[in-house]
């Protein structure tokens, strides 16, 4: 079962910030400031995201980190890796763990960073009140 730990949450926060400004780039320090992610920790996360091909980095006045693809093309499975099913327990327990892992994997593959960004924007949009 997916348990979002600090690493996962910070990775998603950074990716959401990059999705919000896509196709532009942001310096790591700015992402850290906007999302409340420790700066040095963010640098390690971004490096890992570069390694998976989700993020690209560049130097210079307009440099920083940016998404490699549009947010709707980045599956959440590229950002969150489900834990493998445990190999301990009886056959029913292993079956259940396998079924949960498969459902988690399917869910993460079906959702995109664009979907998550839409959700975040909906949550942060003030209500439309008519009097």
N, C-alpha and C. Protein backbone atom coordinates (compact mmCIF):
# COMPACT_ATOMS: atom_id res chain seq x y z
N UNK A 1 0.84 -1.18 0.00
CA UNK A 1 0.00 0.00 0.00
C UNK A 1 0.88 1.23 0.00
N UNK A 2 0.53 2.21 -0.83
CA UNK A 2 1.34 3.41 -0.97
C UNK A 2 1.30 4.24 0.30
N UNK A 3 2.46 4.55 0.78
CA UNK A 3 2.59 5.44 1.93
C UNK A 3 3.46 6.60 1.47
N UNK A 4 2.88 7.78 1.33
CA UNK A 4 3.63 8.92 0.86
C UNK A 4 4.49 9.43 2.01
N UNK A 5 5.78 9.24 1.87
CA UNK A 5 6.72 9.74 2.86
C UNK A 5 7.24 11.08 2.39
N UNK A 6 8.05 11.71 3.20
CA UNK A 6 8.55 13.04 2.85
C UNK A 6 9.16 13.08 1.46
N UNK A 7 9.97 12.08 1.12
CA UNK A 7 10.61 12.07 -0.19
C UNK A 7 9.58 12.11 -1.30
N UNK A 8 8.56 11.27 -1.22
CA UNK A 8 7.52 11.25 -2.24
C UNK A 8 6.76 12.57 -2.28
N UNK A 9 6.40 13.07 -1.12
CA UNK A 9 5.64 14.33 -1.07
C UNK A 9 6.46 15.48 -1.64
N UNK A 10 7.72 15.56 -1.29
CA UNK A 10 8.57 16.64 -1.81
C UNK A 10 8.78 16.49 -3.32
N UNK A 11 8.91 15.27 -3.80
CA UNK A 11 9.07 15.04 -5.24
C UNK A 11 7.83 15.52 -5.98
N UNK A 12 6.65 15.19 -5.45
CA UNK A 12 5.41 15.64 -6.08
C UNK A 12 5.28 17.16 -6.02
N UNK A 13 5.62 17.75 -4.88
CA UNK A 13 5.56 19.22 -4.75
C UNK A 13 6.44 19.89 -5.80
N UNK A 14 7.66 19.41 -5.95
CA UNK A 14 8.57 19.99 -6.94
C UNK A 14 8.02 19.81 -8.35
N UNK A 15 7.51 18.62 -8.65
CA UNK A 15 6.96 18.36 -9.98
C UNK A 15 5.74 19.24 -10.26
N UNK A 16 4.90 19.44 -9.25
CA UNK A 16 3.74 20.32 -9.42
C UNK A 16 4.16 21.76 -9.71
N UNK A 17 5.20 22.21 -9.05
CA UNK A 17 5.67 23.58 -9.29
C UNK A 17 6.19 23.70 -10.73
N UNK A 18 6.91 22.69 -11.19
CA UNK A 18 7.41 22.71 -12.57
C UNK A 18 6.26 22.58 -13.57
N UNK A 19 5.24 21.81 -13.21
CA UNK A 19 4.08 21.67 -14.09
C UNK A 19 3.34 22.99 -14.23
N UNK A 20 3.28 23.74 -13.14
CA UNK A 20 2.55 25.02 -13.14
C UNK A 20 3.20 26.05 -14.06
N UNK A 21 4.50 25.94 -14.29
CA UNK A 21 5.20 26.93 -15.12
C UNK A 21 5.63 26.35 -16.46
N UNK A 22 5.26 25.09 -16.73
CA UNK A 22 5.68 24.43 -17.98
C UNK A 22 5.31 25.29 -19.18
N UNK A 23 6.21 25.48 -20.12
CA UNK A 23 7.49 24.84 -20.36
C UNK A 23 8.69 25.60 -19.79
N UNK A 24 8.44 26.60 -18.99
CA UNK A 24 9.53 27.38 -18.42
C UNK A 24 10.30 26.56 -17.39
N UNK A 25 11.47 27.07 -17.04
CA UNK A 25 12.31 26.45 -16.02
C UNK A 25 12.29 27.32 -14.77
N UNK A 26 12.57 26.70 -13.65
CA UNK A 26 12.69 27.41 -12.37
C UNK A 26 13.98 26.99 -11.68
N UNK A 27 14.67 27.94 -11.06
CA UNK A 27 15.83 27.57 -10.26
C UNK A 27 15.38 26.73 -9.05
N UNK A 28 16.23 25.81 -8.65
CA UNK A 28 15.91 24.94 -7.51
C UNK A 28 15.59 25.76 -6.26
N UNK A 29 16.31 26.84 -6.06
CA UNK A 29 16.06 27.67 -4.87
C UNK A 29 14.65 28.24 -4.88
N UNK A 30 14.15 28.59 -6.05
CA UNK A 30 12.79 29.14 -6.16
C UNK A 30 11.74 28.06 -5.90
N UNK A 31 11.97 26.87 -6.43
CA UNK A 31 11.04 25.76 -6.16
C UNK A 31 11.00 25.49 -4.67
N UNK A 32 12.17 25.44 -4.06
CA UNK A 32 12.27 25.18 -2.62
C UNK A 32 11.52 26.23 -1.82
N UNK A 33 11.67 27.49 -2.20
CA UNK A 33 10.99 28.58 -1.49
C UNK A 33 9.48 28.47 -1.66
N UNK A 34 9.02 28.27 -2.88
CA UNK A 34 7.58 28.23 -3.16
C UNK A 34 6.87 27.05 -2.49
N UNK A 35 7.55 25.91 -2.42
CA UNK A 35 6.91 24.69 -1.94
C UNK A 35 7.35 24.26 -0.55
N UNK A 36 8.24 25.02 0.06
CA UNK A 36 8.66 24.68 1.41
C UNK A 36 9.46 23.39 1.50
N UNK A 37 10.24 23.12 0.47
CA UNK A 37 11.08 21.93 0.43
C UNK A 37 12.50 22.34 0.82
N UNK A 38 13.15 21.62 1.72
CA UNK A 38 14.54 21.95 2.05
C UNK A 38 15.40 21.97 0.79
N UNK A 39 16.15 23.04 0.61
CA UNK A 39 16.88 23.30 -0.63
C UNK A 39 17.85 22.19 -1.03
N UNK A 40 18.68 21.74 -0.10
CA UNK A 40 19.66 20.70 -0.44
C UNK A 40 18.97 19.38 -0.76
N UNK A 41 17.90 19.10 -0.04
CA UNK A 41 17.14 17.88 -0.29
C UNK A 41 16.51 17.95 -1.67
N UNK A 42 15.99 19.12 -2.03
CA UNK A 42 15.37 19.30 -3.34
C UNK A 42 16.38 19.06 -4.45
N UNK A 43 17.59 19.53 -4.27
CA UNK A 43 18.62 19.33 -5.29
C UNK A 43 18.83 17.83 -5.56
N UNK A 44 18.85 17.02 -4.51
CA UNK A 44 19.00 15.57 -4.68
C UNK A 44 17.78 14.97 -5.40
N UNK A 45 16.59 15.43 -5.02
CA UNK A 45 15.38 14.92 -5.67
C UNK A 45 15.37 15.27 -7.16
N UNK A 46 15.72 16.52 -7.48
CA UNK A 46 15.73 16.93 -8.88
C UNK A 46 16.75 16.11 -9.67
N UNK A 47 17.88 15.84 -9.07
CA UNK A 47 18.89 15.02 -9.74
C UNK A 47 18.33 13.64 -10.07
N UNK A 48 17.61 13.06 -9.13
CA UNK A 48 16.98 11.77 -9.38
C UNK A 48 15.92 11.85 -10.47
N UNK A 49 15.19 12.96 -10.51
CA UNK A 49 14.15 13.14 -11.52
C UNK A 49 14.76 13.35 -12.90
N UNK A 50 15.96 13.95 -12.94
CA UNK A 50 16.68 14.06 -14.21
C UNK A 50 17.06 12.67 -14.69
N UNK A 51 17.51 11.84 -13.76
CA UNK A 51 17.90 10.47 -14.10
C UNK A 51 16.77 9.64 -14.68
N UNK A 52 15.54 9.92 -14.28
CA UNK A 52 14.39 9.17 -14.81
C UNK A 52 13.85 9.79 -16.10
N UNK A 53 14.35 10.96 -16.47
CA UNK A 53 13.91 11.61 -17.70
C UNK A 53 12.69 12.49 -17.54
N UNK A 54 12.22 12.67 -16.33
CA UNK A 54 11.04 13.50 -16.09
C UNK A 54 11.41 14.98 -16.11
N UNK A 55 12.61 15.29 -15.64
CA UNK A 55 13.07 16.67 -15.50
C UNK A 55 14.36 16.86 -16.30
N UNK A 56 14.50 18.03 -16.87
CA UNK A 56 15.74 18.43 -17.53
C UNK A 56 16.25 19.69 -16.83
N UNK A 57 17.54 19.87 -16.80
CA UNK A 57 18.12 21.07 -16.19
C UNK A 57 19.01 21.78 -17.19
N UNK A 58 19.15 23.08 -16.96
CA UNK A 58 20.03 23.89 -17.80
C UNK A 58 20.62 25.00 -16.94
N UNK A 59 21.76 25.50 -17.37
CA UNK A 59 22.43 26.59 -16.66
C UNK A 59 22.19 27.89 -17.40
N UNK A 60 22.50 28.98 -16.75
CA UNK A 60 22.40 30.28 -17.39
C UNK A 60 21.30 31.12 -16.81
N UNK A 61 21.11 32.32 -17.39
CA UNK A 61 20.13 33.25 -16.84
C UNK A 61 18.69 32.73 -16.84
N UNK A 62 18.33 31.93 -17.80
CA UNK A 62 16.98 31.35 -17.84
C UNK A 62 17.01 29.88 -17.48
N UNK A 63 18.05 29.48 -16.79
CA UNK A 63 18.25 28.07 -16.47
C UNK A 63 17.46 27.64 -15.25
N UNK A 64 17.64 26.40 -14.92
CA UNK A 64 16.96 25.80 -13.79
C UNK A 64 16.44 24.44 -14.18
N UNK A 65 15.44 23.98 -13.50
CA UNK A 65 14.82 22.70 -13.78
C UNK A 65 13.50 22.94 -14.51
N UNK A 66 13.17 22.03 -15.40
CA UNK A 66 11.90 22.09 -16.12
C UNK A 66 11.45 20.68 -16.42
N UNK A 67 10.15 20.51 -16.61
CA UNK A 67 9.64 19.20 -17.01
C UNK A 67 10.12 18.90 -18.42
N UNK A 68 10.45 17.66 -18.68
CA UNK A 68 10.90 17.24 -20.00
C UNK A 68 9.74 17.11 -20.99
N UNK A 69 8.54 16.92 -20.46
CA UNK A 69 7.35 16.75 -21.28
C UNK A 69 6.20 17.52 -20.65
N UNK A 70 5.14 17.75 -21.41
CA UNK A 70 3.96 18.40 -20.82
C UNK A 70 3.43 17.61 -19.62
N UNK A 71 2.86 18.29 -18.64
CA UNK A 71 2.36 17.62 -17.43
C UNK A 71 1.39 16.48 -17.71
N UNK A 72 0.58 16.57 -18.75
CA UNK A 72 -0.39 15.52 -19.07
C UNK A 72 0.29 14.27 -19.63
N UNK A 73 1.57 14.36 -19.95
CA UNK A 73 2.31 13.22 -20.47
C UNK A 73 3.21 12.57 -19.42
N UNK A 74 3.16 13.08 -18.19
CA UNK A 74 3.99 12.53 -17.11
C UNK A 74 3.08 11.73 -16.18
N UNK A 75 3.17 10.41 -16.27
CA UNK A 75 2.36 9.55 -15.39
C UNK A 75 2.92 9.62 -13.97
N UNK A 76 2.03 9.58 -13.00
CA UNK A 76 2.47 9.61 -11.60
C UNK A 76 3.34 8.40 -11.26
N UNK A 77 3.21 7.33 -12.03
CA UNK A 77 4.07 6.16 -11.80
C UNK A 77 5.54 6.49 -12.07
N UNK A 78 5.81 7.57 -12.81
CA UNK A 78 7.19 7.99 -13.05
C UNK A 78 7.76 8.74 -11.84
N UNK A 79 6.89 9.23 -10.99
CA UNK A 79 7.33 10.00 -9.82
C UNK A 79 7.25 9.19 -8.54
N UNK A 80 6.29 8.30 -8.45
CA UNK A 80 6.10 7.48 -7.25
C UNK A 80 6.25 6.02 -7.63
N UNK A 81 7.17 5.37 -7.00
CA UNK A 81 7.40 3.96 -7.27
C UNK A 81 6.75 3.13 -6.18
N UNK A 82 5.74 2.32 -6.51
CA UNK A 82 5.11 1.49 -5.48
C UNK A 82 6.10 0.46 -4.94
N UNK A 83 5.93 0.14 -3.69
CA UNK A 83 6.75 -0.88 -3.07
C UNK A 83 6.35 -2.24 -3.63
N UNK A 84 7.32 -3.14 -3.82
CA UNK A 84 6.94 -4.48 -4.27
C UNK A 84 6.15 -5.21 -3.19
N UNK A 85 5.32 -6.13 -3.64
CA UNK A 85 4.52 -6.92 -2.70
C UNK A 85 5.46 -7.77 -1.85
N UNK A 86 5.16 -7.89 -0.55
CA UNK A 86 6.02 -8.70 0.32
C UNK A 86 5.95 -10.17 -0.06
N UNK A 87 7.01 -10.87 0.25
CA UNK A 87 7.05 -12.30 -0.07
C UNK A 87 6.85 -13.15 1.19
N UNK A 88 6.39 -12.53 2.26
CA UNK A 88 6.16 -13.28 3.50
C UNK A 88 4.66 -13.40 3.74
N UNK A 89 4.29 -14.30 4.61
CA UNK A 89 2.89 -14.51 4.94
C UNK A 89 2.32 -15.68 4.16
N UNK A 90 1.11 -16.02 4.51
CA UNK A 90 0.43 -17.12 3.84
C UNK A 90 0.01 -16.74 2.43
N UNK A 91 -0.51 -17.70 1.70
CA UNK A 91 -0.87 -17.46 0.30
C UNK A 91 -1.94 -16.37 0.17
N UNK A 92 -2.89 -16.32 1.10
CA UNK A 92 -3.94 -15.30 1.03
C UNK A 92 -3.35 -13.91 1.26
N UNK A 93 -2.42 -13.80 2.19
CA UNK A 93 -1.79 -12.52 2.48
C UNK A 93 -0.96 -12.07 1.28
N UNK A 94 -0.20 -12.99 0.69
CA UNK A 94 0.60 -12.65 -0.49
C UNK A 94 -0.29 -12.26 -1.67
N UNK A 95 -1.42 -12.98 -1.83
CA UNK A 95 -2.35 -12.64 -2.90
C UNK A 95 -2.90 -11.23 -2.70
N UNK A 96 -3.32 -10.92 -1.47
CA UNK A 96 -3.85 -9.60 -1.17
C UNK A 96 -2.81 -8.52 -1.43
N UNK A 97 -1.59 -8.75 -0.97
CA UNK A 97 -0.52 -7.77 -1.17
C UNK A 97 -0.25 -7.58 -2.67
N UNK A 98 -0.28 -8.65 -3.43
CA UNK A 98 -0.09 -8.54 -4.88
C UNK A 98 -1.22 -7.78 -5.55
N UNK A 99 -2.46 -8.04 -5.12
CA UNK A 99 -3.62 -7.34 -5.69
C UNK A 99 -3.56 -5.85 -5.37
N UNK A 100 -3.18 -5.52 -4.14
CA UNK A 100 -3.06 -4.10 -3.76
C UNK A 100 -1.95 -3.41 -4.55
N UNK A 101 -0.82 -4.10 -4.71
CA UNK A 101 0.29 -3.53 -5.47
C UNK A 101 -0.11 -3.30 -6.92
N UNK A 102 -0.85 -4.23 -7.51
CA UNK A 102 -1.29 -4.08 -8.90
C UNK A 102 -2.27 -2.91 -9.04
N UNK A 103 -3.18 -2.78 -8.09
CA UNK A 103 -4.14 -1.67 -8.12
C UNK A 103 -3.41 -0.33 -7.98
N UNK A 104 -2.45 -0.29 -7.09
CA UNK A 104 -1.66 0.94 -6.90
C UNK A 104 -0.91 1.29 -8.18
N UNK A 105 -0.26 0.30 -8.78
CA UNK A 105 0.49 0.52 -10.01
C UNK A 105 -0.45 1.02 -11.12
N UNK A 106 -1.61 0.38 -11.27
CA UNK A 106 -2.57 0.79 -12.29
C UNK A 106 -3.05 2.22 -12.06
N UNK A 107 -3.31 2.57 -10.81
CA UNK A 107 -3.77 3.93 -10.49
C UNK A 107 -2.70 4.95 -10.83
N UNK A 108 -1.47 4.69 -10.42
CA UNK A 108 -0.38 5.63 -10.68
C UNK A 108 -0.09 5.77 -12.17
N UNK A 109 -0.30 4.71 -12.93
CA UNK A 109 -0.08 4.77 -14.37
C UNK A 109 -1.21 5.52 -15.08
N UNK A 110 -2.41 5.52 -14.49
CA UNK A 110 -3.54 6.17 -15.15
C UNK A 110 -3.66 7.66 -14.82
N UNK A 111 -3.02 8.10 -13.76
CA UNK A 111 -3.07 9.51 -13.38
C UNK A 111 -1.81 10.23 -13.86
N UNK A 112 -1.98 11.48 -14.26
CA UNK A 112 -0.83 12.26 -14.73
C UNK A 112 -0.58 13.45 -13.81
N UNK A 113 0.57 14.02 -14.00
CA UNK A 113 0.92 15.23 -13.27
C UNK A 113 -0.06 16.35 -13.62
N UNK A 114 -0.55 16.37 -14.84
CA UNK A 114 -1.55 17.35 -15.25
C UNK A 114 -2.85 17.20 -14.46
N UNK A 115 -3.26 15.96 -14.22
CA UNK A 115 -4.46 15.70 -13.42
C UNK A 115 -4.29 16.23 -12.01
N UNK A 116 -3.12 15.98 -11.44
CA UNK A 116 -2.84 16.44 -10.08
C UNK A 116 -2.78 17.96 -10.01
N UNK A 117 -2.21 18.59 -11.04
CA UNK A 117 -2.14 20.05 -11.10
C UNK A 117 -3.55 20.64 -11.18
N UNK A 118 -4.41 20.03 -11.99
CA UNK A 118 -5.81 20.48 -12.07
C UNK A 118 -6.46 20.41 -10.70
N UNK A 119 -6.25 19.31 -10.01
CA UNK A 119 -6.84 19.12 -8.67
C UNK A 119 -6.34 20.19 -7.71
N UNK A 120 -5.04 20.46 -7.76
CA UNK A 120 -4.47 21.48 -6.88
C UNK A 120 -5.07 22.85 -7.18
N UNK A 121 -5.20 23.16 -8.44
CA UNK A 121 -5.78 24.46 -8.82
C UNK A 121 -7.24 24.57 -8.38
N UNK A 122 -7.99 23.48 -8.49
CA UNK A 122 -9.38 23.48 -8.03
C UNK A 122 -9.46 23.73 -6.53
N UNK A 123 -8.57 23.12 -5.79
CA UNK A 123 -8.56 23.27 -4.32
C UNK A 123 -8.15 24.67 -3.90
N UNK A 124 -7.33 25.33 -4.71
CA UNK A 124 -6.83 26.66 -4.34
C UNK A 124 -7.63 27.79 -4.96
N UNK A 125 -8.68 27.45 -5.69
CA UNK A 125 -9.51 28.48 -6.33
C UNK A 125 -10.61 28.91 -5.36
N UNK A 126 -10.73 30.21 -5.12
CA UNK A 126 -11.82 30.66 -4.26
C UNK A 126 -13.18 30.33 -4.87
N UNK A 127 -14.14 30.12 -4.02
CA UNK A 127 -15.49 29.79 -4.48
C UNK A 127 -16.09 30.93 -5.30
N UNK A 128 -16.99 30.59 -6.17
CA UNK A 128 -17.69 31.59 -7.00
C UNK A 128 -19.00 31.90 -6.28
N UNK A 129 -19.03 33.01 -5.60
CA UNK A 129 -20.19 33.38 -4.80
C UNK A 129 -21.02 34.45 -5.50
N UNK A 130 -22.29 34.20 -5.60
CA UNK A 130 -23.20 35.20 -6.17
C UNK A 130 -24.19 35.60 -5.08
N UNK A 131 -24.42 36.89 -5.00
CA UNK A 131 -25.35 37.38 -3.98
C UNK A 131 -26.56 37.97 -4.67
